[in-house]
Amino acid sequence: MSTAADRKLQTRADYRHFLAIPTRWMDNDIYGHVNNVNYYSYFDTAVNRYLIDAGVLDIHGGEVVGFVVETQCQYFAPIAFPDTVHAGIRVTQLGNRSVRYEVGLFRNDDDTPAAAGHFVHVYVDRASGRPVAIPDNTRAALEKLLVP
């Protein structure tokens, strides 16, 4: 997403999977809204929860893990405690060793995102830190989120 006009084109229907994340009192900053640093945490939480629930991410013992190598976020409207964030995720690029997720953060029942962005995982061998092919079971889980 590159402009506010793009935001108007995005709705909840454009995302393949959602995770509801309640905001916390401590998420609000001095300006009375959720501080920007928390938005990246919502991205990470939504994607990794999906991978864990799909049975393709073992955060403690998995031999292959995804490292975030790129991230970006645009902010369109404030979120504040006690809102619930509905993090929508989709995959827009699925390569041999990397995947690009796009995440829309929807405030409560809003149909357009309060924020939207992306991040890229490169899959690596946990022991060596070297890039590896995305495992077949992980690829199958990611394909369920793929949009044209």
C-alpha atoms as a PDB file:
ATOM      1  CA  MET A   1       0.000   0.000   0.000  1.00  0.00           C
ATOM      2  CA  SER A   2       1.530   3.258  -1.002  1.00  0.00           C
ATOM      3  CA  THR A   3      -1.083   5.988  -0.554  1.00  0.00           C
ATOM      4  CA  ALA A   4      -4.161   6.880   1.432  1.00  0.00           C
ATOM      5  CA  ALA A   5      -6.122   6.346  -1.797  1.00  0.00           C
ATOM      6  CA  ASP A   6      -4.939   2.717  -1.810  1.00  0.00           C
ATOM      7  CA  ARG A   7      -6.403   2.323   1.689  1.00  0.00           C
ATOM      8  CA  LYS A   8      -9.848   3.098   0.346  1.00  0.00           C
ATOM      9  CA  LEU A   9      -9.472   0.166  -2.036  1.00  0.00           C
ATOM     10  CA  GLN A  10      -8.667  -2.216   0.817  1.00  0.00           C
ATOM     11  CA  THR A  11     -11.340  -3.754   2.987  1.00  0.00           C
ATOM     12  CA  ARG A  12     -11.546  -6.742   5.280  1.00  0.00           C
ATOM     13  CA  ALA A  13     -12.568  -8.830   2.262  1.00  0.00           C
ATOM     14  CA  ASP A  14      -9.091  -8.335   0.777  1.00  0.00           C
ATOM     15  CA  TYR A  15      -7.435 -10.391   3.527  1.00  0.00           C
ATOM     16  CA  ARG A  16      -7.413 -14.169   3.918  1.00  0.00           C
ATOM     17  CA  HIS A  17      -7.074 -14.678   7.679  1.00  0.00           C
ATOM     18  CA  PHE A  18      -7.773 -12.602  10.811  1.00  0.00           C
ATOM     19  CA  LEU A  19      -6.588 -12.535  14.394  1.00  0.00           C
ATOM     20  CA  ALA A  20      -8.337 -10.405  17.028  1.00  0.00           C
ATOM     21  CA  ILE A  21      -5.830  -8.678  19.305  1.00  0.00           C
ATOM     22  CA  PRO A  22      -7.137  -6.675  22.267  1.00  0.00           C
ATOM     23  CA  THR A  23      -5.274  -3.465  22.980  1.00  0.00           C
ATOM     24  CA  ARG A  24      -3.885  -2.946  26.460  1.00  0.00           C
ATOM     25  CA  TRP A  25      -3.945   0.111  28.704  1.00  0.00           C
ATOM     26  CA  MET A  26      -0.156   0.317  28.439  1.00  0.00           C
ATOM     27  CA  ASP A  27      -0.295   0.427  24.615  1.00  0.00           C
ATOM     28  CA  ASN A  28      -1.564   4.038  24.689  1.00  0.00           C
ATOM     29  CA  ASP A  29       1.055   6.755  24.622  1.00  0.00           C
ATOM     30  CA  ILE A  30       0.984  10.311  25.975  1.00  0.00           C
ATOM     31  CA  TYR A  31      -1.103  11.376  22.951  1.00  0.00           C
ATOM     32  CA  GLY A  32      -3.916   8.984  23.872  1.00  0.00           C
ATOM     33  CA  HIS A  33      -3.526   6.447  21.078  1.00  0.00           C
ATOM     34  CA  VAL A  34      -1.607   3.211  20.544  1.00  0.00           C
ATOM     35  CA  ASN A  35       2.058   4.006  20.021  1.00  0.00           C
ATOM     36  CA  ASN A  36       3.454   3.209  16.580  1.00  0.00           C
ATOM     37  CA  VAL A  37       5.910   0.605  17.868  1.00  0.00           C
ATOM     38  CA  ASN A  38       2.994  -1.657  18.824  1.00  0.00           C
ATOM     39  CA  TYR A  39       1.739  -1.894  15.239  1.00  0.00           C
ATOM     40  CA  TYR A  40       4.785  -3.953  14.230  1.00  0.00           C
ATOM     41  CA  SER A  41       4.112  -6.228  17.170  1.00  0.00           C
ATOM     42  CA  TYR A  42       0.561  -6.754  15.876  1.00  0.00           C
ATOM     43  CA  PHE A  43       1.987  -7.695  12.445  1.00  0.00           C
ATOM     44  CA  ASP A  44       4.406 -10.196  13.958  1.00  0.00           C
ATOM     45  CA  THR A  45       1.802 -11.647  16.312  1.00  0.00           C
ATOM     46  CA  ALA A  46      -0.795 -12.195  13.567  1.00  0.00           C
ATOM     47  CA  VAL A  47       1.588 -13.903  11.141  1.00  0.00           C
ATOM     48  CA  ASN A  48       3.406 -16.058  13.665  1.00  0.00           C
ATOM     49  CA  ARG A  49       0.171 -17.104  15.372  1.00  0.00           C
ATOM     50  CA  TYR A  50      -1.151 -18.211  11.965  1.00  0.00           C
ATOM     51  CA  LEU A  51       2.016 -20.246  11.316  1.00  0.00           C
ATOM     52  CA  ILE A  52       1.929 -21.827  14.780  1.00  0.00           C
ATOM     53  CA  ASP A  53      -1.779 -22.693  14.479  1.00  0.00           C
ATOM     54  CA  ALA A  54      -1.131 -24.174  11.009  1.00  0.00           C
ATOM     55  CA  GLY A  55       1.470 -26.462  12.618  1.00  0.00           C
ATOM     56  CA  VAL A  56       4.379 -25.169  10.530  1.00  0.00           C
ATOM     57  CA  LEU A  57       6.275 -23.083  13.095  1.00  0.00           C
ATOM     58  CA  ASP A  58       7.923 -24.553  16.163  1.00  0.00           C
ATOM     59  CA  ILE A  59       9.281 -21.447  17.859  1.00  0.00           C
ATOM     60  CA  HIS A  60      11.491 -23.414  20.235  1.00  0.00           C
ATOM     61  CA  GLY A  61      12.763 -26.388  18.248  1.00  0.00           C
ATOM     62  CA  GLY A  62      12.075 -25.903  14.561  1.00  0.00           C
ATOM     63  CA  GLU A  63      15.065 -26.390  12.274  1.00  0.00           C
ATOM     64  CA  VAL A  64      13.800 -23.777   9.794  1.00  0.00           C
ATOM     65  CA  VAL A  65      12.557 -20.342  10.859  1.00  0.00           C
ATOM     66  CA  GLY A  66      11.616 -17.088   9.137  1.00  0.00           C
ATOM     67  CA  PHE A  67      13.728 -13.986   9.739  1.00  0.00           C
ATOM     68  CA  VAL A  68      12.159 -10.595   9.061  1.00  0.00           C
ATOM     69  CA  VAL A  69      14.349  -8.733   6.554  1.00  0.00           C
ATOM     70  CA  GLU A  70      12.029  -5.897   5.522  1.00  0.00           C
ATOM     71  CA  THR A  71       9.074  -4.147   7.080  1.00  0.00           C
ATOM     72  CA  GLN A  72       6.903  -1.096   6.466  1.00  0.00           C
ATOM     73  CA  CYS A  73       3.751   0.432   7.929  1.00  0.00           C
ATOM     74  CA  GLN A  74       1.425   3.277   6.984  1.00  0.00           C
ATOM     75  CA  TYR A  75      -0.924   4.833   9.510  1.00  0.00           C
ATOM     76  CA  PHE A  76      -4.365   6.080   8.478  1.00  0.00           C
ATOM     77  CA  ALA A  77      -6.418   6.405  11.676  1.00  0.00           C
ATOM     78  CA  PRO A  78      -5.694   6.088  15.392  1.00  0.00           C
ATOM     79  CA  ILE A  79      -6.281   3.000  17.481  1.00  0.00           C
ATOM     80  CA  ALA A  80      -6.610   3.382  21.258  1.00  0.00           C
ATOM     81  CA  PHE A  81      -7.323   1.283  24.324  1.00  0.00           C
ATOM     82  CA  PRO A  82      -9.857  -0.376  24.734  1.00  0.00           C
ATOM     83  CA  ASP A  83     -10.152  -1.049  20.976  1.00  0.00           C
ATOM     84  CA  THR A  84      -9.747  -4.506  19.517  1.00  0.00           C
ATOM     85  CA  VAL A  85      -7.401  -4.777  16.549  1.00  0.00           C
ATOM     86  CA  HIS A  86      -8.419  -7.248  13.863  1.00  0.00           C
ATOM     87  CA  ALA A  87      -5.200  -8.070  12.026  1.00  0.00           C
ATOM     88  CA  GLY A  88      -5.883  -9.314   8.502  1.00  0.00           C
ATOM     89  CA  ILE A  89      -3.075 -11.125   6.718  1.00  0.00           C
ATOM     90  CA  ARG A  90      -2.437 -12.186   3.164  1.00  0.00           C
ATOM     91  CA  VAL A  91       0.554 -13.292   1.090  1.00  0.00           C
ATOM     92  CA  THR A  92       1.352 -11.295  -2.030  1.00  0.00           C
ATOM     93  CA  GLN A  93       4.674 -12.876  -3.038  1.00  0.00           C
ATOM     94  CA  LEU A  94       5.786 -16.429  -2.414  1.00  0.00           C
ATOM     95  CA  GLY A  95       9.286 -17.219  -3.593  1.00  0.00           C
ATOM     96  CA  ASN A  96      11.628 -20.155  -3.091  1.00  0.00           C
ATOM     97  CA  ARG A  97      13.158 -18.801   0.138  1.00  0.00           C
ATOM     98  CA  SER A  98      11.059 -15.782   1.026  1.00  0.00           C
ATOM     99  CA  VAL A  99       7.485 -14.621   1.487  1.00  0.00           C
ATOM    100  CA  ARG A 100       5.923 -11.167   1.570  1.00  0.00           C
ATOM    101  CA  TYR A 101       2.991 -10.733   3.933  1.00  0.00           C
ATOM    102  CA  GLU A 102       0.651  -7.777   3.847  1.00  0.00           C
ATOM    103  CA  VAL A 103      -1.173  -6.948   7.041  1.00  0.00           C
ATOM    104  CA  GLY A 104      -4.175  -4.674   7.553  1.00  0.00           C
ATOM    105  CA  LEU A 105      -5.021  -3.535  11.069  1.00  0.00           C
ATOM    106  CA  PHE A 106      -8.733  -2.902  11.458  1.00  0.00           C
ATOM    107  CA  ARG A 107     -10.089  -1.058  14.505  1.00  0.00           C
ATOM    108  CA  ASN A 108     -13.099  -2.788  16.062  1.00  0.00           C
ATOM    109  CA  ASP A 109     -15.740  -3.202  13.308  1.00  0.00           C
ATOM    110  CA  ASP A 110     -14.212  -0.751  10.801  1.00  0.00           C
ATOM    111  CA  ASP A 111     -14.134  -2.087   7.245  1.00  0.00           C
ATOM    112  CA  THR A 112     -11.078  -0.048   6.176  1.00  0.00           C
ATOM    113  CA  PRO A 113      -7.701  -0.372   7.888  1.00  0.00           C
ATOM    114  CA  ALA A 114      -6.406   2.017  10.517  1.00  0.00           C
ATOM    115  CA  ALA A 115      -2.937   0.948   9.396  1.00  0.00           C
ATOM    116  CA  ALA A 116      -1.499  -1.333   6.754  1.00  0.00           C
ATOM    117  CA  GLY A 117       1.907  -2.584   5.850  1.00  0.00           C
ATOM    118  CA  HIS A 118       4.040  -5.529   4.979  1.00  0.00           C
ATOM    119  CA  PHE A 119       6.969  -7.595   6.055  1.00  0.00           C
ATOM    120  CA  VAL A 120       9.180 -10.144   4.378  1.00  0.00           C
ATOM    121  CA  HIS A 121      10.356 -13.403   5.921  1.00  0.00           C
ATOM    122  CA  VAL A 122      13.434 -15.139   4.572  1.00  0.00           C
ATOM    123  CA  TYR A 123      13.513 -18.764   5.647  1.00  0.00           C
ATOM    124  CA  VAL A 124      16.770 -19.887   7.216  1.00  0.00           C
ATOM    125  CA  ASP A 125      18.319 -22.897   8.835  1.00  0.00           C
ATOM    126  CA  ARG A 126      18.178 -22.086  12.553  1.00  0.00           C
ATOM    127  CA  ALA A 127      21.629 -23.557  13.293  1.00  0.00           C
ATOM    128  CA  SER A 128      23.572 -21.913  10.458  1.00  0.00           C
ATOM    129  CA  GLY A 129      21.467 -18.832   9.772  1.00  0.00           C
ATOM    130  CA  ARG A 130      21.779 -19.575   6.050  1.00  0.00           C
ATOM    131  CA  PRO A 131      18.792 -19.197   3.688  1.00  0.00           C
ATOM    132  CA  VAL A 132      16.952 -22.393   2.768  1.00  0.00           C
ATOM    133  CA  ALA A 133      13.962 -23.310   0.653  1.00  0.00           C
ATOM    134  CA  ILE A 134      10.580 -22.810   2.310  1.00  0.00           C
ATOM    135  CA  PRO A 135       9.560 -26.268   3.596  1.00  0.00           C
ATOM    136  CA  ASP A 136       6.703 -27.900   1.671  1.00  0.00           C
ATOM    137  CA  ASN A 137       4.291 -27.898   4.625  1.00  0.00           C
ATOM    138  CA  THR A 138       4.988 -24.215   5.262  1.00  0.00           C
ATOM    139  CA  ARG A 139       4.527 -23.416   1.578  1.00  0.00           C
ATOM    140  CA  ALA A 140       1.146 -25.178   1.621  1.00  0.00           C
ATOM    141  CA  ALA A 141       0.048 -23.067   4.618  1.00  0.00           C
ATOM    142  CA  LEU A 142       1.256 -19.871   2.930  1.00  0.00           C
ATOM    143  CA  GLU A 143      -0.523 -20.699  -0.312  1.00  0.00           C
ATOM    144  CA  LYS A 144      -3.818 -20.534   1.594  1.00  0.00           C
ATOM    145  CA  LEU A 145      -3.116 -16.835   2.202  1.00  0.00           C
ATOM    146  CA  LEU A 146      -1.927 -16.065  -1.350  1.00  0.00           C
ATOM    147  CA  VAL A 147      -3.745 -13.378  -3.325  1.00  0.00           C
ATOM    148  CA  PRO A 148      -3.136 -12.456  -6.973  1.00  0.00           C
END
